[in-house]
């Protein structure tokens, strides 16, 4: 692998290791394919990255699922060849929808469940405080969910909604 490709692959790998989205190896494969002049086979990828073909195969499947890599036929070859996607907006839409939005919706579901449990509590003062905190949590994550939805659809982020929620949260936090 040439120095430029190695620098990108290793740099993306280091960034991915902390991201929680891709593994270090997946990011290295993407970097290699992104700077490659043409599609590469699993054997070529494995040789370039000094990895086993089975390890590369597993990681390629994940990259294909994320729409970061796609299979490309090469005339005269029976092997699978892969190339990196270059539509970063589409790739980020997929990541936001499948990773971040799922997490946001888990928080919203937990807050709704906690709100229902708090409503059943007998201690009214504690319940009002808890209900207030849960409402702020739901408002904030509801706006984040709407923002992710807008991004995925290619629409502008609803910044006005976020501006309306942040003073609500900040103002109540100052009063405590």
N, C-alpha and C. Protein backbone atom coordinates (compact mmCIF):
# COMPACT_ATOMS: atom_id res chain seq x y z
N UNK A 1 0.85 -1.16 0.00
CA UNK A 1 0.00 0.00 0.00
C UNK A 1 0.90 1.23 0.00
N UNK A 2 0.52 2.23 -0.81
CA UNK A 2 1.35 3.43 -0.87
C UNK A 2 1.15 4.27 0.41
N UNK A 3 2.04 5.22 0.59
CA UNK A 3 2.05 6.02 1.83
C UNK A 3 0.77 6.83 2.03
N UNK A 4 0.26 7.43 0.97
CA UNK A 4 -0.95 8.25 1.07
C UNK A 4 -2.14 7.39 1.51
N UNK A 5 -2.30 6.25 0.86
CA UNK A 5 -3.41 5.35 1.20
C UNK A 5 -3.25 4.82 2.62
N UNK A 6 -2.03 4.45 2.98
CA UNK A 6 -1.77 3.96 4.34
C UNK A 6 -2.06 5.01 5.39
N UNK A 7 -1.70 6.25 5.10
CA UNK A 7 -1.96 7.35 6.04
C UNK A 7 -3.46 7.54 6.22
N UNK A 8 -4.21 7.56 5.12
CA UNK A 8 -5.66 7.71 5.23
C UNK A 8 -6.29 6.52 5.94
N UNK A 9 -5.92 5.31 5.54
CA UNK A 9 -6.51 4.10 6.15
C UNK A 9 -6.24 4.05 7.64
N UNK A 10 -5.02 4.33 8.04
CA UNK A 10 -4.69 4.29 9.47
C UNK A 10 -5.37 5.43 10.23
N UNK A 11 -5.44 6.60 9.63
CA UNK A 11 -6.11 7.74 10.27
C UNK A 11 -7.59 7.51 10.45
N UNK A 12 -8.24 6.97 9.41
CA UNK A 12 -9.66 6.65 9.54
C UNK A 12 -9.88 5.55 10.57
N UNK A 13 -8.97 4.60 10.60
CA UNK A 13 -9.06 3.52 11.58
C UNK A 13 -8.98 4.04 13.00
N UNK A 14 -8.06 4.96 13.24
CA UNK A 14 -7.93 5.54 14.58
C UNK A 14 -9.17 6.34 14.95
N UNK A 15 -9.71 7.10 14.01
CA UNK A 15 -10.92 7.88 14.28
C UNK A 15 -12.11 6.95 14.56
N UNK A 16 -12.21 5.89 13.79
CA UNK A 16 -13.34 4.97 13.95
C UNK A 16 -13.29 4.22 15.27
N UNK A 17 -12.10 3.95 15.74
CA UNK A 17 -11.96 3.21 17.00
C UNK A 17 -12.67 3.91 18.15
N UNK A 18 -12.73 5.22 18.09
CA UNK A 18 -13.39 5.99 19.15
C UNK A 18 -14.83 6.34 18.83
N UNK A 19 -15.27 6.10 17.60
CA UNK A 19 -16.59 6.57 17.18
C UNK A 19 -17.75 5.70 17.64
N UNK A 20 -17.52 4.40 17.74
CA UNK A 20 -18.62 3.52 18.07
C UNK A 20 -19.50 3.20 16.87
N UNK A 21 -19.15 3.72 15.71
CA UNK A 21 -19.95 3.47 14.51
C UNK A 21 -19.30 2.35 13.69
N UNK A 22 -18.06 2.54 13.36
CA UNK A 22 -17.31 1.53 12.61
C UNK A 22 -16.17 1.03 13.48
N UNK A 23 -15.71 -0.17 13.17
CA UNK A 23 -14.52 -0.66 13.86
C UNK A 23 -13.29 -0.07 13.16
N UNK A 24 -12.16 -0.20 13.82
CA UNK A 24 -10.92 0.29 13.24
C UNK A 24 -10.65 -0.40 11.91
N UNK A 25 -10.87 -1.70 11.85
CA UNK A 25 -10.60 -2.45 10.62
C UNK A 25 -11.56 -2.04 9.50
N UNK A 26 -12.82 -1.82 9.82
CA UNK A 26 -13.78 -1.39 8.80
C UNK A 26 -13.37 -0.05 8.20
N UNK A 27 -12.95 0.87 9.05
CA UNK A 27 -12.52 2.18 8.55
C UNK A 27 -11.25 2.07 7.71
N UNK A 28 -10.34 1.19 8.08
CA UNK A 28 -9.12 1.00 7.28
C UNK A 28 -9.48 0.45 5.90
N UNK A 29 -10.40 -0.51 5.86
CA UNK A 29 -10.85 -1.07 4.57
C UNK A 29 -11.47 0.03 3.73
N UNK A 30 -12.34 0.84 4.35
CA UNK A 30 -12.97 1.93 3.61
C UNK A 30 -11.91 2.88 3.05
N UNK A 31 -10.93 3.27 3.87
CA UNK A 31 -9.88 4.17 3.41
C UNK A 31 -9.11 3.61 2.23
N UNK A 32 -8.78 2.33 2.30
CA UNK A 32 -8.09 1.67 1.20
C UNK A 32 -8.93 1.71 -0.08
N UNK A 33 -10.19 1.33 0.05
CA UNK A 33 -11.06 1.30 -1.13
C UNK A 33 -11.34 2.70 -1.67
N UNK A 34 -11.44 3.66 -0.78
CA UNK A 34 -11.75 5.03 -1.20
C UNK A 34 -10.65 5.60 -2.10
N UNK A 35 -9.41 5.29 -1.80
CA UNK A 35 -8.31 5.82 -2.63
C UNK A 35 -7.85 4.86 -3.72
N UNK A 36 -8.48 3.70 -3.79
CA UNK A 36 -8.12 2.73 -4.82
C UNK A 36 -8.58 3.21 -6.20
N UNK A 37 -7.77 2.94 -7.22
CA UNK A 37 -8.10 3.35 -8.58
C UNK A 37 -9.27 2.56 -9.15
N UNK A 38 -9.55 1.40 -8.57
CA UNK A 38 -10.66 0.57 -9.05
C UNK A 38 -11.08 -0.39 -7.96
N UNK A 39 -12.10 -1.18 -8.24
CA UNK A 39 -12.57 -2.14 -7.24
C UNK A 39 -11.48 -3.16 -6.91
N UNK A 40 -11.47 -3.61 -5.64
CA UNK A 40 -10.50 -4.61 -5.19
C UNK A 40 -11.22 -5.86 -4.72
N UNK A 41 -10.57 -7.00 -4.90
CA UNK A 41 -11.12 -8.27 -4.41
C UNK A 41 -10.80 -8.43 -2.93
N UNK A 42 -11.45 -9.38 -2.29
CA UNK A 42 -11.15 -9.67 -0.88
C UNK A 42 -9.68 -10.02 -0.70
N UNK A 43 -9.14 -10.81 -1.61
CA UNK A 43 -7.72 -11.20 -1.53
C UNK A 43 -6.82 -9.98 -1.60
N UNK A 44 -7.13 -9.05 -2.49
CA UNK A 44 -6.31 -7.85 -2.64
C UNK A 44 -6.40 -6.97 -1.39
N UNK A 45 -7.60 -6.83 -0.85
CA UNK A 45 -7.78 -6.03 0.36
C UNK A 45 -7.02 -6.66 1.52
N UNK A 46 -7.17 -7.98 1.67
CA UNK A 46 -6.48 -8.69 2.75
C UNK A 46 -4.97 -8.53 2.65
N UNK A 47 -4.44 -8.65 1.44
CA UNK A 47 -2.99 -8.51 1.25
C UNK A 47 -2.53 -7.07 1.55
N UNK A 48 -3.27 -6.08 1.10
CA UNK A 48 -2.89 -4.68 1.33
C UNK A 48 -2.89 -4.31 2.81
N UNK A 49 -3.84 -4.88 3.55
CA UNK A 49 -3.98 -4.53 4.97
C UNK A 49 -3.36 -5.56 5.91
N UNK A 50 -2.72 -6.58 5.34
CA UNK A 50 -2.11 -7.66 6.13
C UNK A 50 -3.11 -8.27 7.10
N UNK A 51 -4.27 -8.61 6.58
CA UNK A 51 -5.35 -9.22 7.36
C UNK A 51 -5.78 -10.52 6.69
N UNK A 52 -6.45 -11.36 7.46
CA UNK A 52 -6.95 -12.60 6.87
C UNK A 52 -8.13 -12.29 5.96
N UNK A 53 -8.32 -13.12 4.97
CA UNK A 53 -9.43 -12.93 4.04
C UNK A 53 -10.77 -13.05 4.78
N UNK A 54 -10.86 -13.95 5.75
CA UNK A 54 -12.12 -14.12 6.49
C UNK A 54 -12.44 -12.86 7.31
N UNK A 55 -11.43 -12.26 7.92
CA UNK A 55 -11.64 -11.02 8.67
C UNK A 55 -12.10 -9.90 7.75
N UNK A 56 -11.48 -9.78 6.60
CA UNK A 56 -11.87 -8.77 5.63
C UNK A 56 -13.30 -9.03 5.16
N UNK A 57 -13.64 -10.27 4.91
CA UNK A 57 -14.98 -10.62 4.44
C UNK A 57 -16.06 -10.20 5.45
N UNK A 58 -15.82 -10.47 6.71
CA UNK A 58 -16.78 -10.10 7.76
C UNK A 58 -16.95 -8.58 7.80
N UNK A 59 -15.84 -7.87 7.74
CA UNK A 59 -15.89 -6.41 7.81
C UNK A 59 -16.48 -5.78 6.56
N UNK A 60 -16.25 -6.39 5.41
CA UNK A 60 -16.84 -5.89 4.16
C UNK A 60 -18.36 -5.99 4.23
N UNK A 61 -18.87 -7.10 4.78
CA UNK A 61 -20.33 -7.25 4.89
C UNK A 61 -20.94 -6.11 5.70
N UNK A 62 -20.29 -5.74 6.79
CA UNK A 62 -20.80 -4.63 7.61
C UNK A 62 -20.75 -3.32 6.83
N UNK A 63 -19.68 -3.10 6.09
CA UNK A 63 -19.56 -1.87 5.30
C UNK A 63 -20.61 -1.81 4.18
N UNK A 64 -20.92 -2.96 3.61
CA UNK A 64 -21.97 -3.01 2.58
C UNK A 64 -23.32 -2.67 3.22
N UNK A 65 -23.58 -3.21 4.42
CA UNK A 65 -24.82 -2.90 5.13
C UNK A 65 -24.96 -1.41 5.41
N UNK A 66 -23.86 -0.75 5.73
CA UNK A 66 -23.87 0.69 6.02
C UNK A 66 -23.86 1.53 4.75
N UNK A 67 -23.85 0.91 3.59
CA UNK A 67 -23.82 1.61 2.30
C UNK A 67 -22.53 2.40 2.12
N UNK A 68 -21.46 1.98 2.79
CA UNK A 68 -20.17 2.64 2.64
C UNK A 68 -19.32 1.95 1.58
N UNK A 69 -19.65 0.71 1.29
CA UNK A 69 -18.93 -0.09 0.28
C UNK A 69 -19.99 -0.82 -0.53
N UNK A 70 -19.71 -0.99 -1.80
CA UNK A 70 -20.63 -1.77 -2.64
C UNK A 70 -19.85 -2.77 -3.49
N UNK A 71 -20.51 -3.84 -3.81
CA UNK A 71 -19.92 -4.89 -4.65
C UNK A 71 -19.98 -4.42 -6.10
N UNK A 72 -18.89 -4.60 -6.81
CA UNK A 72 -18.81 -4.21 -8.21
C UNK A 72 -18.25 -5.38 -9.01
N UNK A 73 -18.97 -5.80 -10.04
CA UNK A 73 -18.43 -6.87 -10.89
C UNK A 73 -17.26 -6.35 -11.72
N UNK A 74 -16.29 -7.21 -11.91
CA UNK A 74 -15.14 -6.88 -12.75
C UNK A 74 -15.16 -7.87 -13.92
N UNK A 75 -15.25 -7.34 -15.15
CA UNK A 75 -15.32 -8.23 -16.31
C UNK A 75 -14.16 -9.23 -16.33
N UNK A 76 -14.49 -10.48 -16.56
CA UNK A 76 -13.49 -11.52 -16.65
C UNK A 76 -13.10 -12.14 -15.32
N UNK A 77 -13.67 -11.67 -14.23
CA UNK A 77 -13.34 -12.21 -12.91
C UNK A 77 -14.60 -12.78 -12.27
N UNK A 78 -14.42 -13.93 -11.60
CA UNK A 78 -15.53 -14.55 -10.91
C UNK A 78 -15.55 -14.14 -9.43
N UNK A 79 -14.53 -13.45 -8.99
CA UNK A 79 -14.44 -13.01 -7.60
C UNK A 79 -15.28 -11.77 -7.37
N UNK A 80 -15.69 -11.59 -6.11
CA UNK A 80 -16.36 -10.36 -5.73
C UNK A 80 -15.32 -9.26 -5.58
N UNK A 81 -15.64 -8.11 -6.10
CA UNK A 81 -14.79 -6.93 -5.97
C UNK A 81 -15.61 -5.84 -5.32
N UNK A 82 -14.93 -4.94 -4.60
CA UNK A 82 -15.61 -3.91 -3.83
C UNK A 82 -15.00 -2.55 -4.09
N UNK A 83 -15.86 -1.53 -3.98
CA UNK A 83 -15.40 -0.15 -4.08
C UNK A 83 -16.10 0.67 -3.00
N UNK A 84 -15.46 1.75 -2.60
CA UNK A 84 -16.02 2.62 -1.57
C UNK A 84 -17.08 3.52 -2.17
N UNK A 85 -18.09 3.78 -1.39
CA UNK A 85 -19.11 4.76 -1.79
C UNK A 85 -18.50 6.14 -1.71
N UNK A 86 -18.96 7.02 -2.54
CA UNK A 86 -18.48 8.39 -2.50
C UNK A 86 -19.59 9.38 -2.16
N UNK A 87 -20.81 8.87 -2.00
CA UNK A 87 -21.94 9.72 -1.61
C UNK A 87 -22.01 9.74 -0.08
N UNK A 88 -21.25 10.65 0.52
CA UNK A 88 -21.16 10.70 1.96
C UNK A 88 -22.48 11.11 2.61
N UNK A 89 -23.25 11.93 1.94
CA UNK A 89 -24.54 12.33 2.49
C UNK A 89 -25.42 11.10 2.67
N UNK A 90 -25.47 10.25 1.66
CA UNK A 90 -26.29 9.03 1.76
C UNK A 90 -25.77 8.12 2.87
N UNK A 91 -24.45 8.00 2.97
CA UNK A 91 -23.87 7.16 4.02
C UNK A 91 -24.22 7.70 5.40
N UNK A 92 -24.11 9.02 5.58
CA UNK A 92 -24.45 9.61 6.87
C UNK A 92 -25.94 9.50 7.17
N UNK A 93 -26.76 9.59 6.15
CA UNK A 93 -28.20 9.39 6.38
C UNK A 93 -28.44 8.00 6.97
N UNK A 94 -27.78 7.02 6.42
CA UNK A 94 -27.93 5.64 6.90
C UNK A 94 -27.44 5.51 8.34
N UNK A 95 -26.29 6.09 8.62
CA UNK A 95 -25.72 6.01 9.97
C UNK A 95 -26.63 6.71 10.98
N UNK A 96 -27.09 7.90 10.63
CA UNK A 96 -27.97 8.64 11.54
C UNK A 96 -29.26 7.88 11.78
N UNK A 97 -29.85 7.36 10.74
CA UNK A 97 -31.12 6.65 10.88
C UNK A 97 -30.96 5.37 11.68
N UNK A 98 -29.96 4.59 11.36
CA UNK A 98 -29.83 3.28 11.98
C UNK A 98 -29.14 3.29 13.33
N UNK A 99 -28.25 4.21 13.57
CA UNK A 99 -27.50 4.19 14.82
C UNK A 99 -28.02 5.24 15.79
N UNK A 100 -27.96 6.50 15.41
CA UNK A 100 -28.29 7.57 16.34
C UNK A 100 -29.78 7.65 16.62
N UNK A 101 -30.60 7.53 15.58
CA UNK A 101 -32.03 7.65 15.80
C UNK A 101 -32.54 6.51 16.67
N UNK A 102 -32.01 5.33 16.49
CA UNK A 102 -32.41 4.20 17.31
C UNK A 102 -32.10 4.50 18.78
N UNK A 103 -30.92 5.04 19.05
CA UNK A 103 -30.53 5.38 20.41
C UNK A 103 -31.45 6.45 20.99
N UNK A 104 -31.73 7.48 20.22
CA UNK A 104 -32.61 8.55 20.67
C UNK A 104 -33.99 7.99 20.99
N UNK A 105 -34.48 7.11 20.16
CA UNK A 105 -35.82 6.54 20.40
C UNK A 105 -35.83 5.60 21.62
N UNK A 106 -34.70 4.99 21.91
CA UNK A 106 -34.61 4.19 23.14
C UNK A 106 -34.74 5.09 24.36
N UNK A 107 -34.10 6.26 24.32
CA UNK A 107 -34.19 7.22 25.42
C UNK A 107 -35.64 7.70 25.57
N UNK A 108 -36.28 8.01 24.44
CA UNK A 108 -37.67 8.47 24.49
C UNK A 108 -38.59 7.40 25.07
N UNK A 109 -38.39 6.16 24.69
CA UNK A 109 -39.22 5.07 25.23
C UNK A 109 -38.98 4.89 26.72
N UNK A 110 -37.73 4.97 27.15
CA UNK A 110 -37.42 4.84 28.58
C UNK A 110 -38.04 5.99 29.37
N UNK A 111 -37.98 7.20 28.82
CA UNK A 111 -38.57 8.36 29.51
C UNK A 111 -40.09 8.21 29.60
N UNK A 112 -40.72 7.74 28.54
CA UNK A 112 -42.18 7.54 28.57
C UNK A 112 -42.56 6.48 29.60
N UNK A 113 -41.79 5.40 29.65
CA UNK A 113 -42.05 4.35 30.64
C UNK A 113 -41.85 4.88 32.06
N UNK A 114 -40.82 5.67 32.26
CA UNK A 114 -40.56 6.24 33.59
C UNK A 114 -41.65 7.24 33.97
N UNK A 115 -42.13 8.00 33.00
CA UNK A 115 -43.21 8.96 33.27
C UNK A 115 -44.46 8.21 33.71
N UNK A 116 -44.78 7.11 33.06
CA UNK A 116 -45.95 6.32 33.45
C UNK A 116 -45.77 5.75 34.86
N UNK A 117 -44.57 5.29 35.17
CA UNK A 117 -44.30 4.77 36.51
C UNK A 117 -44.39 5.88 37.55
N UNK A 118 -43.89 7.07 37.22
CA UNK A 118 -43.95 8.20 38.15
C UNK A 118 -45.39 8.63 38.39
N UNK A 119 -46.23 8.55 37.38
CA UNK A 119 -47.63 8.94 37.52
C UNK A 119 -48.35 8.02 38.50
N UNK A 120 -47.89 6.80 38.62
CA UNK A 120 -48.51 5.84 39.53
C UNK A 120 -48.01 5.99 40.97
N UNK A 121 -46.97 6.81 41.17
CA UNK A 121 -46.41 7.02 42.51
C UNK A 121 -47.42 7.71 43.42
N UNK A 122 -47.32 7.44 44.70
CA UNK A 122 -48.21 8.05 45.68
C UNK A 122 -47.70 9.39 46.18
N UNK A 123 -46.37 9.62 46.17
CA UNK A 123 -45.79 10.85 46.69
C UNK A 123 -45.93 11.95 45.64
N UNK A 124 -46.86 12.86 45.82
CA UNK A 124 -47.17 13.88 44.83
C UNK A 124 -46.02 14.85 44.57
N UNK A 125 -45.32 15.32 45.58
CA UNK A 125 -44.24 16.29 45.39
C UNK A 125 -43.11 15.68 44.57
N UNK A 126 -42.71 14.48 44.92
CA UNK A 126 -41.65 13.82 44.18
C UNK A 126 -42.10 13.54 42.75
N UNK A 127 -43.36 13.18 42.60
CA UNK A 127 -43.88 12.87 41.28
C UNK A 127 -43.86 14.10 40.39
N UNK A 128 -44.21 15.26 40.90
CA UNK A 128 -44.20 16.48 40.10
C UNK A 128 -42.78 16.81 39.64
N UNK A 129 -41.80 16.67 40.53
CA UNK A 129 -40.40 16.92 40.17
C UNK A 129 -39.93 15.94 39.11
N UNK A 130 -40.23 14.69 39.32
CA UNK A 130 -39.83 13.65 38.36
C UNK A 130 -40.52 13.87 37.02
N UNK A 131 -41.80 14.17 37.05
CA UNK A 131 -42.53 14.41 35.80
C UNK A 131 -41.92 15.59 35.04
N UNK A 132 -41.54 16.63 35.74
CA UNK A 132 -40.93 17.80 35.12
C UNK A 132 -39.60 17.43 34.45
N UNK A 133 -38.79 16.70 35.15
CA UNK A 133 -37.49 16.30 34.58
C UNK A 133 -37.69 15.39 33.36
N UNK A 134 -38.62 14.47 33.46
CA UNK A 134 -38.88 13.58 32.32
C UNK A 134 -39.43 14.35 31.13
N UNK A 135 -40.27 15.34 31.38
CA UNK A 135 -40.81 16.16 30.29
C UNK A 135 -39.69 16.90 29.57
N UNK A 136 -38.72 17.44 30.33
CA UNK A 136 -37.59 18.13 29.71
C UNK A 136 -36.73 17.16 28.89
N UNK A 137 -36.52 15.97 29.44
CA UNK A 137 -35.75 14.95 28.72
C UNK A 137 -36.45 14.59 27.41
N UNK A 138 -37.75 14.36 27.50
CA UNK A 138 -38.51 14.00 26.29
C UNK A 138 -38.53 15.14 25.28
N UNK A 139 -38.64 16.37 25.74
CA UNK A 139 -38.66 17.51 24.82
C UNK A 139 -37.34 17.61 24.07
N UNK A 140 -36.25 17.48 24.80
CA UNK A 140 -34.94 17.59 24.16
C UNK A 140 -34.72 16.46 23.15
N UNK A 141 -34.93 15.23 23.58
CA UNK A 141 -34.69 14.11 22.67
C UNK A 141 -35.73 14.03 21.56
N UNK A 142 -36.91 14.57 21.79
CA UNK A 142 -37.90 14.65 20.71
C UNK A 142 -37.43 15.57 19.60
N UNK A 143 -36.79 16.69 19.98
CA UNK A 143 -36.25 17.60 18.97
C UNK A 143 -35.08 16.94 18.24
N UNK A 144 -34.25 16.24 18.96
CA UNK A 144 -33.13 15.54 18.31
C UNK A 144 -33.67 14.50 17.32
N UNK A 145 -34.71 13.77 17.71
CA UNK A 145 -35.33 12.79 16.82
C UNK A 145 -35.87 13.49 15.57
N UNK A 146 -36.55 14.62 15.75
CA UNK A 146 -37.07 15.37 14.60
C UNK A 146 -35.93 15.87 13.71
N UNK A 147 -34.83 16.29 14.33
CA UNK A 147 -33.68 16.75 13.55
C UNK A 147 -33.06 15.63 12.74
N UNK A 148 -32.93 14.47 13.34
CA UNK A 148 -32.39 13.33 12.59
C UNK A 148 -33.33 12.97 11.45
N UNK A 149 -34.62 12.98 11.72
CA UNK A 149 -35.59 12.70 10.67
C UNK A 149 -35.48 13.68 9.52
N UNK A 150 -35.33 14.96 9.83
CA UNK A 150 -35.17 15.98 8.79
C UNK A 150 -33.90 15.73 7.99
N UNK A 151 -32.80 15.43 8.68
CA UNK A 151 -31.53 15.17 8.01
C UNK A 151 -31.66 13.98 7.06
N UNK A 152 -32.27 12.92 7.53
CA UNK A 152 -32.42 11.70 6.73
C UNK A 152 -33.26 11.98 5.47
N UNK A 153 -34.24 12.86 5.60
CA UNK A 153 -35.08 13.21 4.45
C UNK A 153 -34.45 14.29 3.57
N UNK A 154 -33.29 14.81 4.00
CA UNK A 154 -32.62 15.86 3.24
C UNK A 154 -33.25 17.22 3.44
N UNK A 155 -33.93 17.40 4.56
CA UNK A 155 -34.58 18.66 4.87
C UNK A 155 -33.74 19.43 5.89
N UNK A 156 -33.99 20.73 6.03
CA UNK A 156 -33.24 21.51 7.03
C UNK A 156 -33.57 21.04 8.45
N UNK A 157 -32.59 21.18 9.32
CA UNK A 157 -32.78 20.84 10.74
C UNK A 157 -33.75 21.84 11.36
N UNK A 158 -34.69 21.38 12.15
CA UNK A 158 -35.66 22.31 12.75
C UNK A 158 -35.03 23.10 13.90
N UNK A 159 -34.15 24.03 13.57
CA UNK A 159 -33.40 24.78 14.58
C UNK A 159 -34.32 25.56 15.52
N UNK A 160 -35.44 26.06 15.02
CA UNK A 160 -36.36 26.82 15.87
C UNK A 160 -36.90 25.95 17.00
N UNK A 161 -37.17 24.70 16.71
CA UNK A 161 -37.64 23.79 17.76
C UNK A 161 -36.57 23.61 18.82
N UNK A 162 -35.33 23.49 18.39
CA UNK A 162 -34.23 23.33 19.34
C UNK A 162 -34.06 24.59 20.19
N UNK A 163 -34.17 25.75 19.56
CA UNK A 163 -34.08 27.01 20.31
C UNK A 163 -35.19 27.11 21.35
N UNK A 164 -36.34 26.57 21.05
CA UNK A 164 -37.46 26.61 22.01
C UNK A 164 -37.25 25.66 23.18
N UNK A 165 -36.55 24.57 22.96
CA UNK A 165 -36.36 23.57 24.01
C UNK A 165 -35.18 23.93 24.91
N UNK A 166 -34.10 24.45 24.36
CA UNK A 166 -32.91 24.73 25.16
C UNK A 166 -33.18 25.75 26.26
N UNK A 167 -33.85 26.89 26.01
CA UNK A 167 -34.12 27.81 27.13
C UNK A 167 -34.98 27.16 28.21
N UNK A 168 -35.90 26.33 27.81
CA UNK A 168 -36.75 25.62 28.78
C UNK A 168 -35.89 24.77 29.71
N UNK A 169 -34.97 24.04 29.15
CA UNK A 169 -34.10 23.17 29.95
C UNK A 169 -33.13 24.01 30.78
N UNK A 170 -32.49 25.00 30.15
CA UNK A 170 -31.50 25.82 30.86
C UNK A 170 -32.16 26.63 31.97
N UNK A 171 -33.33 27.21 31.71
CA UNK A 171 -34.02 28.01 32.71
C UNK A 171 -34.41 27.20 33.94
N UNK A 172 -34.87 26.03 33.75
CA UNK A 172 -35.26 25.18 34.88
C UNK A 172 -34.04 24.70 35.64
N UNK A 173 -32.94 24.45 34.92
CA UNK A 173 -31.72 24.00 35.59
C UNK A 173 -31.15 25.11 36.48
N UNK A 174 -31.24 26.38 36.03
CA UNK A 174 -30.73 27.51 36.82
C UNK A 174 -31.53 27.69 38.11
N UNK A 175 -32.81 27.36 38.05
CA UNK A 175 -33.66 27.55 39.22
C UNK A 175 -33.45 26.50 40.28
N UNK A 176 -32.62 25.56 40.08
CA UNK A 176 -32.42 24.46 41.03
C UNK A 176 -31.16 24.68 41.85
